Amino acid sequence: MLNFYIIKVILKNGEVRYRTILTKSGKAIKTKTFRRKQDARTWGNRTVIDSQEYEAKGIKPCTIMFSRLADEYMQWWTGKDHDRARLVLWWEQRLGKHLLSDITPDLIRSTLSPKKSRAAATYNKYLAVLSAVLIYANLQQEDGNIIDQYIDYNPCKRVRSLEVDNKIVRYLSDEEKPRLLKAAKEIGGKFYLKVLMALTTGMRKGELEKLHWNAIDFERNLARLPDSKNGTPRYTPIPNVIMGELRKNREIGGGLLFPSSTNINKPFDYRLKFPKKSSSHHA
């Protein structure tokens, strides 16, 4: 019969942990360490109760480690995803020594947590590959000819995927740029100047809107951008053709280059210069 006991462990940094040791016939067969003694006791009790229920139902506890499952899966899998082997190996390196029954949603989340700093699609791909491996384990469990005990539930189903930003970054083609400049020139004034600066300097919309006249160095053809990511000023070169347009519109002082007509301290919304698309269609 399965039993357990708990020992107190003091780490090198002085922190205390509690280790649950499962035993069978007086021999230690598995251990797990917790920060709280109550958690260690809860896990021990639950494991013993689960074992007793398995025995009562004639079900053998899972004895298959993830490393074995990963090898079996890669021998079985015949897909064309060239990255599949690398991702399965990534999971095997982290979960290889775990029994399939010990792979919980919390363990999956904690193992995946470093991937949250990357693109959501990357996180989701790692999760999807693990789910595919565990689905294979479910299929094995349902096979009446298989004697070994796999798992009949996929814990990945309780791990939420990250929301993927499907917005497409839109770039102007070489054919579209001249048409935009022509339309902007017809509108004229500072609107044409702003479009020119956006196309030639690489400044973002927000940087152009916050640009002040006293940040333009007319002698060195530079624009000073104070709000760069590291908190220090960044200088952007301005082409001669743009400097010519700037001189035509030059103002003295620290006002915005592109102020609102109703509030000089706020940028002008140049989207209003473009007519809205009509929802009606003409035959």
C-alpha atoms as a PDB file:
ATOM      1  CA  MET A   1       0.000   0.000   0.000  1.00  0.00           C
ATOM      2  CA  LEU A   2       1.145   3.519  -0.791  1.00  0.00           C
ATOM      3  CA  ASN A   3       2.068   5.819   2.141  1.00  0.00           C
ATOM      4  CA  PHE A   4       3.942   9.076   2.607  1.00  0.00           C
ATOM      5  CA  TYR A   5       5.854  11.155   5.121  1.00  0.00           C
ATOM      6  CA  ILE A   6       7.131  14.753   5.130  1.00  0.00           C
ATOM      7  CA  ILE A   7      10.591  16.059   5.977  1.00  0.00           C
ATOM      8  CA  LYS A   8      11.718  19.648   6.510  1.00  0.00           C
ATOM      9  CA  VAL A   9      14.483  20.858   4.180  1.00  0.00           C
ATOM     10  CA  ILE A  10      16.597  23.980   4.714  1.00  0.00           C
ATOM     11  CA  LEU A  11      18.129  25.382   1.535  1.00  0.00           C
ATOM     12  CA  LYS A  12      21.555  27.006   1.299  1.00  0.00           C
ATOM     13  CA  ASN A  13      19.981  30.464   1.295  1.00  0.00           C
ATOM     14  CA  GLY A  14      18.196  29.676   4.565  1.00  0.00           C
ATOM     15  CA  GLU A  15      14.726  29.206   3.068  1.00  0.00           C
ATOM     16  CA  VAL A  16      12.594  26.319   4.299  1.00  0.00           C
ATOM     17  CA  ARG A  17      10.935  23.715   2.102  1.00  0.00           C
ATOM     18  CA  TYR A  18       8.818  20.648   2.854  1.00  0.00           C
ATOM     19  CA  ARG A  19       9.435  17.426   0.955  1.00  0.00           C
ATOM     20  CA  THR A  20       6.765  14.761   0.619  1.00  0.00           C
ATOM     21  CA  ILE A  21       8.195  11.256   0.190  1.00  0.00           C
ATOM     22  CA  LEU A  22       5.915   8.527  -1.161  1.00  0.00           C
ATOM     23  CA  THR A  23       6.717   4.995  -0.055  1.00  0.00           C
ATOM     24  CA  LYS A  24       5.551   1.545  -1.039  1.00  0.00           C
ATOM     25  CA  SER A  25       6.453  -1.497   1.011  1.00  0.00           C
ATOM     26  CA  GLY A  26       8.751   0.765   3.021  1.00  0.00           C
ATOM     27  CA  LYS A  27      10.692   1.891  -0.060  1.00  0.00           C
ATOM     28  CA  ALA A  28      10.720   5.522  -1.276  1.00  0.00           C
ATOM     29  CA  ILE A  29       9.371   5.672  -4.829  1.00  0.00           C
ATOM     30  CA  LYS A  30       8.759   9.371  -5.421  1.00  0.00           C
ATOM     31  CA  THR A  31       9.335  12.790  -3.834  1.00  0.00           C
ATOM     32  CA  LYS A  32       7.983  16.293  -4.350  1.00  0.00           C
ATOM     33  CA  THR A  33       9.004  19.538  -2.594  1.00  0.00           C
ATOM     34  CA  PHE A  34       6.741  22.424  -1.533  1.00  0.00           C
ATOM     35  CA  ARG A  35       7.087  25.850   0.053  1.00  0.00           C
ATOM     36  CA  ARG A  36       4.263  25.207   2.532  1.00  0.00           C
ATOM     37  CA  LYS A  37       3.853  22.165   4.755  1.00  0.00           C
ATOM     38  CA  GLN A  38       0.101  22.172   4.169  1.00  0.00           C
ATOM     39  CA  ASP A  39       0.644  21.872   0.411  1.00  0.00           C
ATOM     40  CA  ALA A  40       3.039  18.974   0.971  1.00  0.00           C
ATOM     41  CA  ARG A  41       0.466  17.187   3.151  1.00  0.00           C
ATOM     42  CA  THR A  42      -2.386  17.869   0.698  1.00  0.00           C
ATOM     43  CA  TRP A  43      -0.410  16.427  -2.215  1.00  0.00           C
ATOM     44  CA  GLY A  44       0.585  13.343  -0.209  1.00  0.00           C
ATOM     45  CA  ASN A  45      -2.986  12.657   0.893  1.00  0.00           C
ATOM     46  CA  ARG A  46      -4.390  13.178  -2.590  1.00  0.00           C
ATOM     47  CA  THR A  47      -1.811  10.875  -4.172  1.00  0.00           C
ATOM     48  CA  VAL A  48      -2.487   8.099  -1.678  1.00  0.00           C
ATOM     49  CA  ILE A  49      -6.279   8.426  -2.113  1.00  0.00           C
ATOM     50  CA  ASP A  50      -5.950   8.402  -5.916  1.00  0.00           C
ATOM     51  CA  SER A  51      -3.818   5.266  -5.688  1.00  0.00           C
ATOM     52  CA  GLN A  52      -6.398   3.547  -3.504  1.00  0.00           C
ATOM     53  CA  GLU A  53      -9.169   4.467  -5.957  1.00  0.00           C
ATOM     54  CA  TYR A  54      -7.128   3.104  -8.850  1.00  0.00           C
ATOM     55  CA  GLU A  55      -6.617  -0.168  -7.027  1.00  0.00           C
ATOM     56  CA  ALA A  56     -10.326  -0.416  -6.133  1.00  0.00           C
ATOM     57  CA  LYS A  57     -11.283   0.075  -9.791  1.00  0.00           C
ATOM     58  CA  GLY A  58      -8.584  -2.271 -11.030  1.00  0.00           C
ATOM     59  CA  ILE A  59      -6.748   0.560 -12.771  1.00  0.00           C
ATOM     60  CA  LYS A  60      -2.968   0.656 -12.689  1.00  0.00           C
ATOM     61  CA  PRO A  61      -1.341   4.020 -11.896  1.00  0.00           C
ATOM     62  CA  CYS A  62       0.520   5.706 -14.733  1.00  0.00           C
ATOM     63  CA  THR A  63       4.115   4.515 -14.974  1.00  0.00           C
ATOM     64  CA  ILE A  64       5.127   6.202 -18.228  1.00  0.00           C
ATOM     65  CA  MET A  65       7.454   9.192 -18.172  1.00  0.00           C
ATOM     66  CA  PHE A  66       7.210  12.004 -20.681  1.00  0.00           C
ATOM     67  CA  SER A  67      10.634  11.174 -22.151  1.00  0.00           C
ATOM     68  CA  ARG A  68       9.306   7.789 -23.287  1.00  0.00           C
ATOM     69  CA  LEU A  69       6.115   9.325 -24.640  1.00  0.00           C
ATOM     70  CA  ALA A  70       8.088  11.934 -26.611  1.00  0.00           C
ATOM     71  CA  ASP A  71      10.183   9.207 -28.260  1.00  0.00           C
ATOM     72  CA  GLU A  72       7.097   7.141 -29.104  1.00  0.00           C
ATOM     73  CA  TYR A  73       5.328  10.185 -30.503  1.00  0.00           C
ATOM     74  CA  MET A  74       8.193  11.163 -32.828  1.00  0.00           C
ATOM     75  CA  GLN A  75       8.365   7.590 -34.164  1.00  0.00           C
ATOM     76  CA  TRP A  76       4.606   7.650 -34.793  1.00  0.00           C
ATOM     77  CA  TRP A  77       4.300  11.197 -36.165  1.00  0.00           C
ATOM     78  CA  THR A  78       4.466  11.563 -39.973  1.00  0.00           C
ATOM     79  CA  GLY A  79       3.694  15.278 -40.413  1.00  0.00           C
ATOM     80  CA  LYS A  80       5.634  17.845 -42.438  1.00  0.00           C
ATOM     81  CA  ASP A  81       6.332  20.443 -39.723  1.00  0.00           C
ATOM     82  CA  HIS A  82      10.120  20.768 -39.863  1.00  0.00           C
ATOM     83  CA  ASP A  83      10.182  22.435 -36.433  1.00  0.00           C
ATOM     84  CA  ARG A  84       8.213  19.677 -34.671  1.00  0.00           C
ATOM     85  CA  ALA A  85      11.249  17.620 -33.566  1.00  0.00           C
ATOM     86  CA  ARG A  86      12.912  20.673 -31.986  1.00  0.00           C
ATOM     87  CA  LEU A  87       9.780  21.639 -30.045  1.00  0.00           C
ATOM     88  CA  VAL A  88       9.165  18.087 -28.809  1.00  0.00           C
ATOM     89  CA  LEU A  89      12.810  17.943 -27.669  1.00  0.00           C
ATOM     90  CA  TRP A  90      12.326  21.285 -25.859  1.00  0.00           C
ATOM     91  CA  TRP A  91       9.454  19.791 -23.876  1.00  0.00           C
ATOM     92  CA  GLU A  92      11.338  16.538 -23.273  1.00  0.00           C
ATOM     93  CA  GLN A  93      14.260  18.443 -21.753  1.00  0.00           C
ATOM     94  CA  ARG A  94      11.880  20.071 -19.267  1.00  0.00           C
ATOM     95  CA  LEU A  95       9.257  17.396 -18.582  1.00  0.00           C
ATOM     96  CA  GLY A  96      11.178  14.243 -19.477  1.00  0.00           C
ATOM     97  CA  LYS A  97      11.447  12.911 -15.912  1.00  0.00           C
ATOM     98  CA  HIS A  98       7.783  13.569 -15.062  1.00  0.00           C
ATOM     99  CA  LEU A  99       5.162  10.850 -15.123  1.00  0.00           C
ATOM    100  CA  LEU A 100       2.360  11.719 -17.534  1.00  0.00           C
ATOM    101  CA  SER A 101      -0.093  11.807 -14.636  1.00  0.00           C
ATOM    102  CA  ASP A 102       2.027  14.485 -12.926  1.00  0.00           C
ATOM    103  CA  ILE A 103       1.880  16.906 -15.870  1.00  0.00           C
ATOM    104  CA  THR A 104      -0.703  19.376 -14.618  1.00  0.00           C
ATOM    105  CA  PRO A 105      -2.025  22.633 -16.138  1.00  0.00           C
ATOM    106  CA  ASP A 106      -0.031  24.579 -13.509  1.00  0.00           C
ATOM    107  CA  LEU A 107       3.172  22.762 -14.459  1.00  0.00           C
ATOM    108  CA  ILE A 108       2.557  23.498 -18.135  1.00  0.00           C
ATOM    109  CA  ARG A 109       1.919  27.188 -17.432  1.00  0.00           C
ATOM    110  CA  SER A 110       5.053  27.556 -15.298  1.00  0.00           C
ATOM    111  CA  THR A 111       7.173  25.769 -17.912  1.00  0.00           C
ATOM    112  CA  LEU A 112       5.800  28.021 -20.648  1.00  0.00           C
ATOM    113  CA  SER A 113       6.066  31.257 -18.656  1.00  0.00           C
ATOM    114  CA  PRO A 114       9.426  32.383 -20.175  1.00  0.00           C
ATOM    115  CA  LYS A 115       7.793  32.208 -23.614  1.00  0.00           C
ATOM    116  CA  LYS A 116       5.285  34.903 -22.635  1.00  0.00           C
ATOM    117  CA  SER A 117       7.969  37.513 -23.276  1.00  0.00           C
ATOM    118  CA  ARG A 118       7.990  36.472 -26.942  1.00  0.00           C
ATOM    119  CA  ALA A 119       5.272  36.721 -29.557  1.00  0.00           C
ATOM    120  CA  ALA A 120       1.933  35.200 -28.593  1.00  0.00           C
ATOM    121  CA  ALA A 121       2.070  32.983 -31.681  1.00  0.00           C
ATOM    122  CA  THR A 122       5.330  31.445 -30.411  1.00  0.00           C
ATOM    123  CA  TYR A 123       3.797  30.697 -27.002  1.00  0.00           C
ATOM    124  CA  ASN A 124       0.765  29.126 -28.663  1.00  0.00           C
ATOM    125  CA  LYS A 125       2.901  26.969 -30.948  1.00  0.00           C
ATOM    126  CA  TYR A 126       4.818  25.458 -28.017  1.00  0.00           C
ATOM    127  CA  LEU A 127       1.526  24.760 -26.245  1.00  0.00           C
ATOM    128  CA  ALA A 128      -0.004  23.206 -29.369  1.00  0.00           C
ATOM    129  CA  VAL A 129       2.921  20.812 -29.829  1.00  0.00           C
ATOM    130  CA  LEU A 130       2.705  19.607 -26.221  1.00  0.00           C
ATOM    131  CA  SER A 131      -1.036  19.151 -26.647  1.00  0.00           C
ATOM    132  CA  ALA A 132      -0.442  17.048 -29.762  1.00  0.00           C
ATOM    133  CA  VAL A 133       1.959  14.776 -27.850  1.00  0.00           C
ATOM    134  CA  LEU A 134      -0.522  14.333 -24.998  1.00  0.00           C
ATOM    135  CA  ILE A 135      -3.369  13.665 -27.440  1.00  0.00           C
ATOM    136  CA  TYR A 136      -1.224  10.801 -28.735  1.00  0.00           C
ATOM    137  CA  ALA A 137      -1.045   9.530 -25.139  1.00  0.00           C
ATOM    138  CA  ASN A 138      -4.851   9.659 -24.964  1.00  0.00           C
ATOM    139  CA  LEU A 139      -5.061   7.571 -28.152  1.00  0.00           C
ATOM    140  CA  GLN A 140      -2.711   5.014 -26.659  1.00  0.00           C
ATOM    141  CA  GLN A 141      -4.847   4.858 -23.523  1.00  0.00           C
ATOM    142  CA  GLU A 142      -7.928   4.089 -25.624  1.00  0.00           C
ATOM    143  CA  ASP A 143      -6.175   1.260 -27.461  1.00  0.00           C
ATOM    144  CA  GLY A 144      -7.417  -1.970 -25.895  1.00  0.00           C
ATOM    145  CA  ASN A 145      -4.239  -3.784 -26.925  1.00  0.00           C
ATOM    146  CA  ILE A 146      -2.008  -1.449 -24.900  1.00  0.00           C
ATOM    147  CA  ILE A 147      -1.211  -2.816 -21.449  1.00  0.00           C
ATOM    148  CA  ASP A 148       0.680   0.237 -20.099  1.00  0.00           C
ATOM    149  CA  GLN A 149      -1.205   3.008 -18.304  1.00  0.00           C
ATOM    150  CA  TYR A 150      -1.039   6.327 -20.171  1.00  0.00           C
ATOM    151  CA  ILE A 151      -3.468   9.189 -19.409  1.00  0.00           C
ATOM    152  CA  ASP A 152      -7.090   9.643 -20.472  1.00  0.00           C
ATOM    153  CA  TYR A 153      -7.178  13.454 -20.140  1.00  0.00           C
ATOM    154  CA  ASN A 154      -5.151  16.164 -21.862  1.00  0.00           C
ATOM    155  CA  PRO A 155      -4.171  18.847 -19.277  1.00  0.00           C
ATOM    156  CA  CYS A 156      -3.392  21.308 -22.096  1.00  0.00           C
ATOM    157  CA  LYS A 157      -7.141  21.787 -22.482  1.00  0.00           C
ATOM    158  CA  ARG A 158      -7.063  23.807 -19.258  1.00  0.00           C
ATOM    159  CA  VAL A 159      -4.197  26.066 -20.383  1.00  0.00           C
ATOM    160  CA  ARG A 160      -5.417  29.138 -22.239  1.00  0.00           C
ATOM    161  CA  SER A 161      -3.693  30.231 -25.423  1.00  0.00           C
ATOM    162  CA  LEU A 162      -2.528  33.833 -25.707  1.00  0.00           C
ATOM    163  CA  GLU A 163      -4.456  36.263 -27.865  1.00  0.00           C
ATOM    164  CA  VAL A 164      -2.647  36.878 -31.132  1.00  0.00           C
ATOM    165  CA  ASP A 165      -2.520  40.360 -32.626  1.00  0.00           C
ATOM    166  CA  ASN A 166      -3.674  39.820 -36.189  1.00  0.00           C
ATOM    167  CA  LYS A 167      -3.222  43.419 -37.261  1.00  0.00           C
ATOM    168  CA  ILE A 168      -1.294  43.652 -40.524  1.00  0.00           C
ATOM    169  CA  VAL A 169       1.488  46.213 -40.763  1.00  0.00           C
ATOM    170  CA  ARG A 170       0.754  48.209 -43.902  1.00  0.00           C
ATOM    171  CA  TYR A 171       3.545  49.665 -46.049  1.00  0.00           C
ATOM    172  CA  LEU A 172       3.144  51.954 -49.035  1.00  0.00           C
ATOM    173  CA  SER A 173       4.230  50.483 -52.353  1.00  0.00           C
ATOM    174  CA  ASP A 174       6.506  52.370 -54.750  1.00  0.00           C
ATOM    175  CA  GLU A 175       3.442  53.085 -56.894  1.00  0.00           C
ATOM    176  CA  GLU A 176       1.410  54.436 -53.960  1.00  0.00           C
ATOM    177  CA  LYS A 177       3.998  56.897 -52.619  1.00  0.00           C
ATOM    178  CA  PRO A 178       3.883  59.294 -55.610  1.00  0.00           C
ATOM    179  CA  ARG A 179       0.068  59.267 -55.534  1.00  0.00           C
ATOM    180  CA  LEU A 180       0.092  60.123 -51.821  1.00  0.00           C
ATOM    181  CA  LEU A 181       2.559  62.971 -52.341  1.00  0.00           C
ATOM    182  CA  LYS A 182       0.518  64.325 -55.240  1.00  0.00           C
ATOM    183  CA  ALA A 183      -2.676  64.297 -53.141  1.00  0.00           C
ATOM    184  CA  ALA A 184      -0.845  65.900 -50.189  1.00  0.00           C
ATOM    185  CA  LYS A 185       0.619  68.623 -52.414  1.00  0.00           C
ATOM    186  CA  GLU A 186      -2.850  69.439 -53.737  1.00  0.00           C
ATOM    187  CA  ILE A 187      -4.001  69.915 -50.142  1.00  0.00           C
ATOM    188  CA  GLY A 188      -0.828  71.919 -49.554  1.00  0.00           C
ATOM    189  CA  GLY A 189       0.531  73.752 -46.519  1.00  0.00           C
ATOM    190  CA  LYS A 190       1.818  71.874 -43.523  1.00  0.00           C
ATOM    191  CA  PHE A 191      -0.074  68.742 -44.471  1.00  0.00           C
ATOM    192  CA  TYR A 192       2.245  68.271 -47.433  1.00  0.00           C
ATOM    193  CA  LEU A 193       5.217  68.984 -45.156  1.00  0.00           C
ATOM    194  CA  LYS A 194       4.122  66.365 -42.612  1.00  0.00           C
ATOM    195  CA  VAL A 195       3.641  63.696 -45.281  1.00  0.00           C
ATOM    196  CA  LEU A 196       7.085  64.488 -46.705  1.00  0.00           C
ATOM    197  CA  MET A 197       8.712  64.193 -43.265  1.00  0.00           C
ATOM    198  CA  ALA A 198       6.907  60.911 -42.504  1.00  0.00           C
ATOM    199  CA  LEU A 199       8.115  59.362 -45.770  1.00  0.00           C
ATOM    200  CA  THR A 200      11.718  60.577 -45.663  1.00  0.00           C
ATOM    201  CA  THR A 201      12.835  60.861 -42.023  1.00  0.00           C
ATOM    202  CA  GLY A 202      11.458  57.645 -40.512  1.00  0.00           C
ATOM    203  CA  MET A 203       9.834  59.568 -37.655  1.00  0.00           C
ATOM    204  CA  ARG A 204       6.694  58.017 -36.196  1.00  0.00           C
ATOM    205  CA  LYS A 205       3.315  59.716 -36.203  1.00  0.00           C
ATOM    206  CA  GLY A 206       3.570  60.490 -32.471  1.00  0.00           C
ATOM    207  CA  GLU A 207       7.082  61.910 -32.850  1.00  0.00           C
ATOM    208  CA  LEU A 208       5.972  64.237 -35.644  1.00  0.00           C
ATOM    209  CA  GLU A 209       2.966  65.403 -33.654  1.00  0.00           C
ATOM    210  CA  LYS A 210       5.173  66.249 -30.635  1.00  0.00           C
ATOM    211  CA  LEU A 211       7.849  67.988 -32.696  1.00  0.00           C
ATOM    212  CA  HIS A 212       8.476  71.662 -31.769  1.00  0.00           C
ATOM    213  CA  TRP A 213      10.136  74.354 -33.866  1.00  0.00           C
ATOM    214  CA  ASN A 214      12.949  74.830 -31.365  1.00  0.00           C
ATOM    215  CA  ALA A 215      13.851  71.137 -31.834  1.00  0.00           C
ATOM    216  CA  ILE A 216      14.820  71.753 -35.468  1.00  0.00           C
ATOM    217  CA  ASP A 217      18.513  72.528 -36.038  1.00  0.00           C
ATOM    218  CA  PHE A 218      18.430  74.535 -39.274  1.00  0.00           C
ATOM    219  CA  GLU A 219      22.221  74.707 -39.461  1.00  0.00           C
ATOM    220  CA  ARG A 220      22.923  70.963 -39.197  1.00  0.00           C
ATOM    221  CA  ASN A 221      19.663  69.710 -40.742  1.00  0.00           C
ATOM    222  CA  LEU A 222      18.657  67.713 -37.662  1.00  0.00           C
ATOM    223  CA  ALA A 223      15.528  67.144 -35.585  1.00  0.00           C
ATOM    224  CA  ARG A 224      15.931  66.502 -31.839  1.00  0.00           C
ATOM    225  CA  LEU A 225      13.525  63.858 -30.483  1.00  0.00           C
ATOM    226  CA  PRO A 226      13.548  63.966 -26.652  1.00  0.00           C
ATOM    227  CA  ASP A 227      11.260  61.008 -25.948  1.00  0.00           C
ATOM    228  CA  SER A 228      13.387  58.099 -27.111  1.00  0.00           C
ATOM    229  CA  LYS A 229      13.087  54.728 -25.348  1.00  0.00           C
ATOM    230  CA  ASN A 230      16.190  55.118 -23.147  1.00  0.00           C
ATOM    231  CA  GLY A 231      15.241  58.636 -22.032  1.00  0.00           C
ATOM    232  CA  THR A 232      18.027  60.459 -23.892  1.00  0.00           C
ATOM    233  CA  PRO A 233      17.617  62.736 -26.937  1.00  0.00           C
ATOM    234  CA  ARG A 234      17.836  61.184 -30.378  1.00  0.00           C
ATOM    235  CA  TYR A 235      18.792  63.198 -33.466  1.00  0.00           C
ATOM    236  CA  THR A 236      17.240  62.438 -36.844  1.00  0.00           C
ATOM    237  CA  PRO A 237      18.755  63.808 -40.088  1.00  0.00           C
ATOM    238  CA  ILE A 238      16.419  65.835 -42.310  1.00  0.00           C
ATOM    239  CA  PRO A 239      16.968  65.786 -46.106  1.00  0.00           C
ATOM    240  CA  ASN A 240      17.666  69.106 -47.841  1.00  0.00           C
ATOM    241  CA  VAL A 241      14.376  69.038 -49.728  1.00  0.00           C
ATOM    242  CA  ILE A 242      12.507  68.833 -46.420  1.00  0.00           C
ATOM    243  CA  MET A 243      14.593  71.632 -44.907  1.00  0.00           C
ATOM    244  CA  GLY A 244      13.482  73.829 -47.806  1.00  0.00           C
ATOM    245  CA  GLU A 245       9.828  73.181 -46.940  1.00  0.00           C
ATOM    246  CA  LEU A 246      10.540  73.751 -43.241  1.00  0.00           C
ATOM    247  CA  ARG A 247      12.095  77.138 -43.967  1.00  0.00           C
ATOM    248  CA  LYS A 248       8.993  78.155 -45.923  1.00  0.00           C
ATOM    249  CA  ASN A 249       6.848  77.469 -42.851  1.00  0.00           C
ATOM    250  CA  ARG A 250       9.397  78.356 -40.158  1.00  0.00           C
ATOM    251  CA  GLU A 251       8.145  79.849 -36.900  1.00  0.00           C
ATOM    252  CA  ILE A 252      10.099  81.327 -33.987  1.00  0.00           C
ATOM    253  CA  GLY A 253       9.749  79.792 -30.524  1.00  0.00           C
ATOM    254  CA  GLY A 254       8.758  76.459 -29.095  1.00  0.00           C
ATOM    255  CA  GLY A 255       5.392  75.914 -30.723  1.00  0.00           C
ATOM    256  CA  LEU A 256       4.328  72.667 -32.364  1.00  0.00           C
ATOM    257  CA  LEU A 257       5.176  72.207 -36.034  1.00  0.00           C
ATOM    258  CA  PHE A 258       1.700  70.867 -36.679  1.00  0.00           C
ATOM    259  CA  PRO A 259      -0.697  72.452 -34.138  1.00  0.00           C
ATOM    260  CA  SER A 260      -4.466  72.200 -34.026  1.00  0.00           C
ATOM    261  CA  SER A 261      -6.323  75.176 -35.457  1.00  0.00           C
ATOM    262  CA  THR A 262      -8.420  75.352 -32.272  1.00  0.00           C
ATOM    263  CA  ASN A 263      -5.709  74.642 -29.672  1.00  0.00           C
ATOM    264  CA  ILE A 264      -2.083  75.453 -30.501  1.00  0.00           C
ATOM    265  CA  ASN A 265      -0.874  73.177 -27.681  1.00  0.00           C
ATOM    266  CA  LYS A 266      -2.407  70.082 -29.301  1.00  0.00           C
ATOM    267  CA  PRO A 267      -1.483  68.454 -32.625  1.00  0.00           C
ATOM    268  CA  PHE A 268      -3.800  68.767 -35.589  1.00  0.00           C
ATOM    269  CA  ASP A 269      -5.679  65.645 -36.666  1.00  0.00           C
ATOM    270  CA  TYR A 270      -4.718  65.428 -40.335  1.00  0.00           C
ATOM    271  CA  ARG A 271      -7.023  62.459 -40.885  1.00  0.00           C
ATOM    272  CA  LEU A 272      -9.753  65.084 -41.260  1.00  0.00           C
ATOM    273  CA  LYS A 273      -8.070  66.156 -44.489  1.00  0.00           C
ATOM    274  CA  PHE A 274      -9.112  62.897 -46.118  1.00  0.00           C
ATOM    275  CA  PRO A 275     -12.785  62.461 -47.095  1.00  0.00           C
ATOM    276  CA  LYS A 276     -14.542  59.484 -45.550  1.00  0.00           C
ATOM    277  CA  LYS A 277     -15.451  56.618 -47.847  1.00  0.00           C
ATOM    278  CA  SER A 278     -19.085  56.634 -48.834  1.00  0.00           C
ATOM    279  CA  SER A 279     -21.083  53.583 -47.840  1.00  0.00           C
ATOM    280  CA  SER A 280     -23.388  54.003 -50.851  1.00  0.00           C
ATOM    281  CA  HIS A 281     -22.670  52.413 -54.219  1.00  0.00           C
ATOM    282  CA  HIS A 282     -23.572  53.831 -57.606  1.00  0.00           C
ATOM    283  CA  ALA A 283     -24.928  51.631 -60.309  1.00  0.00           C
END
